[in-house]
Structures are given as structure tokens and as C-alpha cells.
Amino acid sequence: MTNETDRAHWESRLAPWRARLRAWGLEDLAAALLEAAEPLSLLGAQALYLAQPALGLLLPADDVGRWARLLEDPANLAWLRERLSRPDPDGHGTEQEA
């Protein structure tokens, strides 16, 4: 990730997504879609940067910037794929596994 603040932000936000994807059995599909869309990620990042002022009316501007930074670096996308598909090390989001 670009910095520790972004990494901490995404770590806290990914736990519920990871749990939902696991519950629905879609974690592998999500990782495959992220991998397939990787060639377009730089264009998506640029679109987010351009739309950031308008999207800032609907979403926190920091979140839009974080998404753009995440999309513009292939290493960030690899990190995201790995985080979405791996088990949650803290055990969060695993209530249905009991």
C-alpha cells in the first residue's frame, strides 16, 4: 500500500467483506475478477481522481483517494486479492463457522 494509514484503513474495512465473500463462497471469484480487471485498474484510478470532487459529495473524499491509490498500483491490487481470499487472522467475521 502507499502508506500505513491506507493499509490500516483497508484492513479494518476488509474484514466484513471477507466474511461475506466467504459466507457466499465467492472469495475465489472476487480474486479472479480483481485479477482480470487489473489491466483496467490504472484507468479506473484516473477516473476516480477526476471524479473525486463530485464523488466527495456522496462519499468521504479520503475514501475516494484511497480507492484511487489502491487501483493505481498492481502491488496494491495483489495485496487486496490476497487479503480478500485469505482467512481472517483475528477470527472476525467467522461467526457462521461455529
C-alpha atoms as a PDB file:
ATOM      1  CA  MET A   1       0.000   0.000   0.000  1.00  0.00           C
ATOM      2  CA  THR A   2       1.070   3.568  -0.358  1.00  0.00           C
ATOM      3  CA  ASN A   3       1.281   4.218   3.384  1.00  0.00           C
ATOM      4  CA  GLU A   4       0.425   2.726   6.760  1.00  0.00           C
ATOM      5  CA  THR A   5      -2.697   4.885   7.141  1.00  0.00           C
ATOM      6  CA  ASP A   6      -4.194   3.434   3.964  1.00  0.00           C
ATOM      7  CA  ARG A   7      -3.214  -0.094   4.993  1.00  0.00           C
ATOM      8  CA  ALA A   8      -4.854   0.271   8.415  1.00  0.00           C
ATOM      9  CA  HIS A   9      -7.950   1.759   6.805  1.00  0.00           C
ATOM     10  CA  TRP A  10      -8.323  -1.144   4.360  1.00  0.00           C
ATOM     11  CA  GLU A  11      -7.567  -3.792   6.987  1.00  0.00           C
ATOM     12  CA  SER A  12     -10.464  -2.578   9.125  1.00  0.00           C
ATOM     13  CA  ARG A  13     -12.843  -2.333   6.167  1.00  0.00           C
ATOM     14  CA  LEU A  14     -11.975  -5.678   4.559  1.00  0.00           C
ATOM     15  CA  ALA A  15     -12.951  -7.929   7.478  1.00  0.00           C
ATOM     16  CA  PRO A  16     -16.731  -7.668   6.840  1.00  0.00           C
ATOM     17  CA  TRP A  17     -16.235  -8.083   3.084  1.00  0.00           C
ATOM     18  CA  ARG A  18     -14.056 -11.123   3.644  1.00  0.00           C
ATOM     19  CA  ALA A  19     -16.717 -12.649   5.885  1.00  0.00           C
ATOM     20  CA  ARG A  20     -19.489 -12.005   3.343  1.00  0.00           C
ATOM     21  CA  LEU A  21     -17.487 -13.388   0.441  1.00  0.00           C
ATOM     22  CA  ARG A  22     -16.605 -16.478   2.475  1.00  0.00           C
ATOM     23  CA  ALA A  23     -20.231 -16.989   3.566  1.00  0.00           C
ATOM     24  CA  TRP A  24     -21.396 -16.794  -0.044  1.00  0.00           C
ATOM     25  CA  GLY A  25     -18.487 -18.911  -1.326  1.00  0.00           C
ATOM     26  CA  LEU A  26     -17.325 -16.100  -3.619  1.00  0.00           C
ATOM     27  CA  GLU A  27     -13.826 -15.332  -2.356  1.00  0.00           C
ATOM     28  CA  ASP A  28     -12.168 -17.097  -5.313  1.00  0.00           C
ATOM     29  CA  LEU A  29     -14.476 -15.381  -7.798  1.00  0.00           C
ATOM     30  CA  ALA A  30     -13.717 -11.975  -6.275  1.00  0.00           C
ATOM     31  CA  ALA A  31      -9.978 -12.635  -6.531  1.00  0.00           C
ATOM     32  CA  ALA A  32     -10.352 -13.771 -10.150  1.00  0.00           C
ATOM     33  CA  LEU A  33     -12.374 -10.678 -11.060  1.00  0.00           C
ATOM     34  CA  LEU A  34      -9.782  -8.420  -9.466  1.00  0.00           C
ATOM     35  CA  GLU A  35      -7.059 -10.177 -11.416  1.00  0.00           C
ATOM     36  CA  ALA A  36      -8.973  -9.960 -14.698  1.00  0.00           C
ATOM     37  CA  ALA A  37      -9.710  -6.264 -14.212  1.00  0.00           C
ATOM     38  CA  GLU A  38      -6.113  -5.400 -13.305  1.00  0.00           C
ATOM     39  CA  PRO A  39      -5.201  -4.068 -16.786  1.00  0.00           C
ATOM     40  CA  LEU A  40      -8.011  -1.505 -16.451  1.00  0.00           C
ATOM     41  CA  SER A  41      -7.206  -0.522 -12.882  1.00  0.00           C
ATOM     42  CA  LEU A  42      -4.983   2.423 -13.833  1.00  0.00           C
ATOM     43  CA  LEU A  43      -7.800   3.882 -15.936  1.00  0.00           C
ATOM     44  CA  GLY A  44     -10.182   3.367 -13.024  1.00  0.00           C
ATOM     45  CA  ALA A  45      -7.788   5.155 -10.684  1.00  0.00           C
ATOM     46  CA  GLN A  46      -7.522   8.107 -13.057  1.00  0.00           C
ATOM     47  CA  ALA A  47     -11.311   8.242 -13.387  1.00  0.00           C
ATOM     48  CA  LEU A  48     -11.625   8.324  -9.602  1.00  0.00           C
ATOM     49  CA  TYR A  49      -9.098  11.154  -9.345  1.00  0.00           C
ATOM     50  CA  LEU A  50     -11.053  13.138 -11.947  1.00  0.00           C
ATOM     51  CA  ALA A  51     -14.389  12.431 -10.283  1.00  0.00           C
ATOM     52  CA  GLN A  52     -13.116  12.928  -6.730  1.00  0.00           C
ATOM     53  CA  PRO A  53     -14.626  16.406  -6.298  1.00  0.00           C
ATOM     54  CA  ALA A  54     -18.073  15.219  -7.396  1.00  0.00           C
ATOM     55  CA  LEU A  55     -17.857  11.894  -5.575  1.00  0.00           C
ATOM     56  CA  GLY A  56     -16.812  13.832  -2.487  1.00  0.00           C
ATOM     57  CA  LEU A  57     -20.425  14.966  -2.241  1.00  0.00           C
ATOM     58  CA  LEU A  58     -21.544  11.349  -1.804  1.00  0.00           C
ATOM     59  CA  LEU A  59     -18.544   9.718  -0.150  1.00  0.00           C
ATOM     60  CA  PRO A  60     -15.727  10.932   2.060  1.00  0.00           C
ATOM     61  CA  ALA A  61     -13.072  12.420  -0.257  1.00  0.00           C
ATOM     62  CA  ASP A  62     -10.373  10.473   1.609  1.00  0.00           C
ATOM     63  CA  ASP A  63     -12.101   7.196   0.697  1.00  0.00           C
ATOM     64  CA  VAL A  64     -12.191   8.109  -2.983  1.00  0.00           C
ATOM     65  CA  GLY A  65      -8.478   8.934  -2.874  1.00  0.00           C
ATOM     66  CA  ARG A  66      -7.718   5.673  -1.086  1.00  0.00           C
ATOM     67  CA  TRP A  67      -9.582   3.697  -3.761  1.00  0.00           C
ATOM     68  CA  ALA A  68      -7.652   5.524  -6.477  1.00  0.00           C
ATOM     69  CA  ARG A  69      -4.299   4.834  -4.778  1.00  0.00           C
ATOM     70  CA  LEU A  70      -5.287   1.204  -4.350  1.00  0.00           C
ATOM     71  CA  LEU A  71      -6.146   0.829  -8.029  1.00  0.00           C
ATOM     72  CA  GLU A  72      -3.129   2.587  -9.489  1.00  0.00           C
ATOM     73  CA  ASP A  73      -0.509   0.117  -8.256  1.00  0.00           C
ATOM     74  CA  PRO A  74      -0.534  -3.589  -9.275  1.00  0.00           C
ATOM     75  CA  ALA A  75       1.144  -4.461  -5.967  1.00  0.00           C
ATOM     76  CA  ASN A  76      -1.809  -2.904  -4.141  1.00  0.00           C
ATOM     77  CA  LEU A  77      -4.246  -4.993  -6.162  1.00  0.00           C
ATOM     78  CA  ALA A  78      -2.249  -8.134  -5.393  1.00  0.00           C
ATOM     79  CA  TRP A  79      -2.374  -7.173  -1.714  1.00  0.00           C
ATOM     80  CA  LEU A  80      -6.156  -6.699  -1.942  1.00  0.00           C
ATOM     81  CA  ARG A  81      -6.666 -10.059  -3.702  1.00  0.00           C
ATOM     82  CA  GLU A  82      -4.597 -11.789  -1.047  1.00  0.00           C
ATOM     83  CA  ARG A  83      -6.462 -10.080   1.798  1.00  0.00           C
ATOM     84  CA  LEU A  84      -9.885 -10.913   0.399  1.00  0.00           C
ATOM     85  CA  SER A  85      -9.122 -14.566  -0.220  1.00  0.00           C
ATOM     86  CA  ARG A  86      -7.201 -15.469   2.939  1.00  0.00           C
ATOM     87  CA  PRO A  87      -8.818 -16.439   6.237  1.00  0.00           C
ATOM     88  CA  ASP A  88      -9.206 -13.623   8.746  1.00  0.00           C
ATOM     89  CA  PRO A  89      -6.288 -13.997  11.202  1.00  0.00           C
ATOM     90  CA  ASP A  90      -8.213 -12.311  14.022  1.00  0.00           C
ATOM     91  CA  GLY A  91     -11.234 -14.557  13.650  1.00  0.00           C
ATOM     92  CA  HIS A  92     -13.506 -11.625  12.805  1.00  0.00           C
ATOM     93  CA  GLY A  93     -16.409 -12.390  10.557  1.00  0.00           C
ATOM     94  CA  THR A  94     -16.363 -16.117  11.210  1.00  0.00           C
ATOM     95  CA  GLU A  95     -19.495 -16.368  13.373  1.00  0.00           C
ATOM     96  CA  GLN A  96     -21.239 -18.729  10.945  1.00  0.00           C
ATOM     97  CA  GLU A  97     -18.352 -21.222  11.082  1.00  0.00           C
ATOM     98  CA  ALA A  98     -19.175 -22.353  14.644  1.00  0.00           C
END
